[in-house]
C-alpha cells in the first residue's frame, strides 16, 4: 500500500456489489488537462463512499499524489454527482488496483452526498431502521447542519 495513512473524517458506506462510475483526469499540477484527455473516461467500480472520500477498483495504475486531480461521475439512485478528488493510497489486488481517494466537495455537495448515501443504505438494507438511524446520528453529529435536511421523502 502506498501513501500515508490518516484518520477518516467521515463514515464510509460499503456499497454491496459495487456501484459503477466513470473517472477521468481533469487537472495535472494545477493545470487543466487537454480537452482530448478530459474526454477519455475510464469505468471504475466504487466499493465504499463517504462525503469526504471513496474507495474504487480500476485496471489503471494511477500514482498516489495530490499533484493531479480526478473527476468522478457517480450515480447513486436518483442522485448524480460530478466530484473532484485525488488518490491517497493504492493497493494491487490480482489484476486490478484498489484506490483510496479523498474528495473535495463543497458543503452543499457534501450534504447531498450524505442524503444520497442514506438513501442508498435504506435501499440496500430496507429493514434495518436502526442502522439507518445510527448512520444519520453519527453523520449529523459530525456536521450538525445536516440535521436540517429531510432525507425521508
Protein backbone atom coordinates (compact mmCIF):
# COMPACT_ATOMS: atom_id res chain seq x y z
CA UNK A 1 0.00 0.00 0.00
CA UNK A 2 1.36 3.43 -0.94
CA UNK A 3 0.77 6.78 0.70
CA UNK A 4 0.40 7.91 4.27
CA UNK A 5 -2.47 6.75 6.45
CA UNK A 6 -4.59 9.38 8.14
CA UNK A 7 -7.78 9.10 10.14
CA UNK A 8 -11.00 9.39 8.14
CA UNK A 9 -13.28 12.26 8.97
CA UNK A 10 -16.48 10.52 7.79
CA UNK A 11 -18.16 7.12 7.98
CA UNK A 12 -17.86 5.15 4.76
CA UNK A 13 -20.83 3.18 3.44
CA UNK A 14 -19.87 -0.14 1.86
CA UNK A 15 -21.63 -0.41 -1.48
CA UNK A 16 -22.69 -4.04 -1.85
CA UNK A 17 -21.72 -5.45 -5.24
CA UNK A 18 -20.14 -2.07 -6.03
CA UNK A 19 -21.51 0.87 -7.97
CA UNK A 20 -20.32 1.57 -11.50
CA UNK A 21 -18.94 5.04 -12.11
CA UNK A 22 -16.65 6.92 -14.51
CA UNK A 23 -13.31 8.56 -13.73
CA UNK A 24 -11.09 10.88 -15.73
CA UNK A 25 -8.01 13.02 -15.08
CA UNK A 26 -9.05 16.66 -15.14
CA UNK A 27 -6.01 18.51 -13.76
CA UNK A 28 -2.26 17.91 -13.58
CA UNK A 29 -0.05 20.08 -11.34
CA UNK A 30 -2.87 22.61 -11.04
CA UNK A 31 -3.24 22.99 -14.83
CA UNK A 32 -6.42 21.86 -16.61
CA UNK A 33 -5.96 18.75 -18.74
CA UNK A 34 -6.03 18.90 -22.51
CA UNK A 35 -9.59 18.67 -23.94
CA UNK A 36 -8.86 15.31 -25.59
CA UNK A 37 -7.53 13.96 -22.26
CA UNK A 38 -10.58 15.14 -20.35
CA UNK A 39 -12.96 13.34 -22.71
CA UNK A 40 -11.26 9.99 -22.00
CA UNK A 41 -13.05 8.48 -19.05
CA UNK A 42 -12.48 5.07 -17.59
CA UNK A 43 -15.05 2.84 -15.88
CA UNK A 44 -14.43 2.15 -12.20
CA UNK A 45 -16.24 0.20 -9.50
CA UNK A 46 -16.96 2.03 -6.26
CA UNK A 47 -16.60 -0.18 -3.18
CA UNK A 48 -17.37 2.35 -0.47
CA UNK A 49 -18.05 6.06 -0.14
CA UNK A 50 -18.44 8.86 2.36
CA UNK A 51 -18.95 12.62 1.99
CA UNK A 52 -15.15 13.00 2.13
CA UNK A 53 -13.79 10.03 0.21
CA UNK A 54 -14.26 6.83 -1.68
CA UNK A 55 -12.62 3.50 -2.46
CA UNK A 56 -12.67 2.18 -6.02
CA UNK A 57 -11.31 -0.58 -8.27
CA UNK A 58 -9.69 0.08 -11.62
CA UNK A 59 -7.48 -1.69 -14.14
CA UNK A 60 -5.41 1.52 -14.42
CA UNK A 61 -2.27 2.10 -12.32
CA UNK A 62 -2.53 5.68 -11.08
CA UNK A 63 0.12 7.44 -8.98
CA UNK A 64 -0.52 8.24 -5.31
CA UNK A 65 -0.25 12.02 -5.41
CA UNK A 66 -2.15 15.23 -4.89
CA UNK A 67 -0.34 16.63 -7.96
CA UNK A 68 -3.23 15.68 -10.21
CA UNK A 69 -6.99 15.76 -9.85
CA UNK A 70 -9.52 13.12 -10.81
CA UNK A 71 -13.10 13.78 -11.79
CA UNK A 72 -15.69 11.16 -10.86
CA UNK A 73 -19.14 10.83 -12.44
CA UNK A 74 -21.25 8.91 -9.94
CA UNK A 75 -24.95 8.00 -9.91
CA UNK A 76 -26.49 6.82 -6.64
CA UNK A 77 -30.19 6.15 -7.16
CA UNK A 78 -31.71 9.42 -8.31
CA UNK A 79 -28.61 11.42 -7.32
CA UNK A 80 -25.89 12.30 -9.83
CA UNK A 81 -22.53 13.74 -8.81
CA UNK A 82 -19.52 15.18 -10.58
CA UNK A 83 -16.85 15.07 -7.86
CA UNK A 84 -13.17 16.01 -7.73
CA UNK A 85 -10.56 14.20 -5.69
CA UNK A 86 -7.05 12.78 -5.56
CA UNK A 87 -5.54 9.38 -4.78
CA UNK A 88 -4.17 8.98 -1.24
CA UNK A 89 -3.36 5.25 -1.34
CA UNK A 90 -3.18 2.33 -3.79
CA UNK A 91 -3.07 -1.45 -3.40
CA UNK A 92 -2.62 -4.07 -6.12
CA UNK A 93 -5.02 -7.00 -5.95
CA UNK A 94 -4.98 -9.73 -8.61
CA UNK A 95 -5.12 -7.98 -12.00
CA UNK A 96 -6.53 -4.64 -10.81
CA UNK A 97 -5.83 -1.84 -8.33
CA UNK A 98 -7.82 -0.64 -5.35
CA UNK A 99 -7.59 3.07 -4.54
CA UNK A 100 -8.48 5.32 -1.66
CA UNK A 101 -9.40 8.79 -2.82
CA UNK A 102 -10.02 11.99 -0.90
CA UNK A 103 -12.92 14.02 -2.30
CA UNK A 104 -13.02 17.80 -2.32
CA UNK A 105 -16.74 18.70 -2.35
CA UNK A 106 -18.10 22.00 -1.09
CA UNK A 107 -20.52 21.99 1.87
CA UNK A 108 -23.71 21.83 -0.19
CA UNK A 109 -22.43 18.90 -2.27
CA UNK A 110 -21.23 17.18 0.93
CA UNK A 111 -24.78 17.45 2.32
CA UNK A 112 -26.18 15.98 -0.90
CA UNK A 113 -23.74 13.07 -0.70
CA UNK A 114 -24.96 12.33 2.85
CA UNK A 115 -28.56 12.26 1.60
CA UNK A 116 -27.68 10.03 -1.37
CA UNK A 117 -25.71 7.61 0.82
CA UNK A 118 -28.52 7.41 3.36
CA UNK A 119 -30.99 6.67 0.55
CA UNK A 120 -28.59 4.01 -0.82
CA UNK A 121 -28.23 2.48 2.66
CA UNK A 122 -32.03 2.36 3.01
CA UNK A 123 -32.28 0.65 -0.40
CA UNK A 124 -29.54 -1.90 0.38
CA UNK A 125 -30.97 -2.73 3.84
CA UNK A 126 -34.64 -1.67 3.90
CA UNK A 127 -35.49 -3.44 7.17
CA UNK A 128 -32.51 -2.13 9.13
CA UNK A 129 -34.05 1.08 10.50
CA UNK A 130 -31.73 1.02 13.50
CA UNK A 131 -28.68 1.13 11.18
CA UNK A 132 -30.22 3.98 9.17
CA UNK A 133 -30.84 5.98 12.33
CA UNK A 134 -27.35 5.25 13.68
CA UNK A 135 -25.74 6.42 10.40
CA UNK A 136 -27.93 9.54 10.40
CA UNK A 137 -26.98 10.39 14.02
CA UNK A 138 -23.27 9.70 13.58
CA UNK A 139 -23.10 11.69 10.35
CA UNK A 140 -25.13 14.58 11.73
CA UNK A 141 -23.01 14.67 14.86
CA UNK A 142 -20.01 15.28 12.60
CA UNK A 143 -21.68 18.21 10.90
CA UNK A 144 -24.78 19.43 12.73
CA UNK A 145 -26.03 21.44 9.77
CA UNK A 146 -27.06 18.14 8.13
CA UNK A 147 -29.79 17.73 10.74
CA UNK A 148 -31.98 20.23 8.88
CA UNK A 149 -32.17 18.04 5.79
CA UNK A 150 -35.20 15.83 5.36
CA UNK A 151 -33.92 12.66 3.70
CA UNK A 152 -37.00 10.52 4.24
CA UNK A 153 -39.10 11.91 1.42
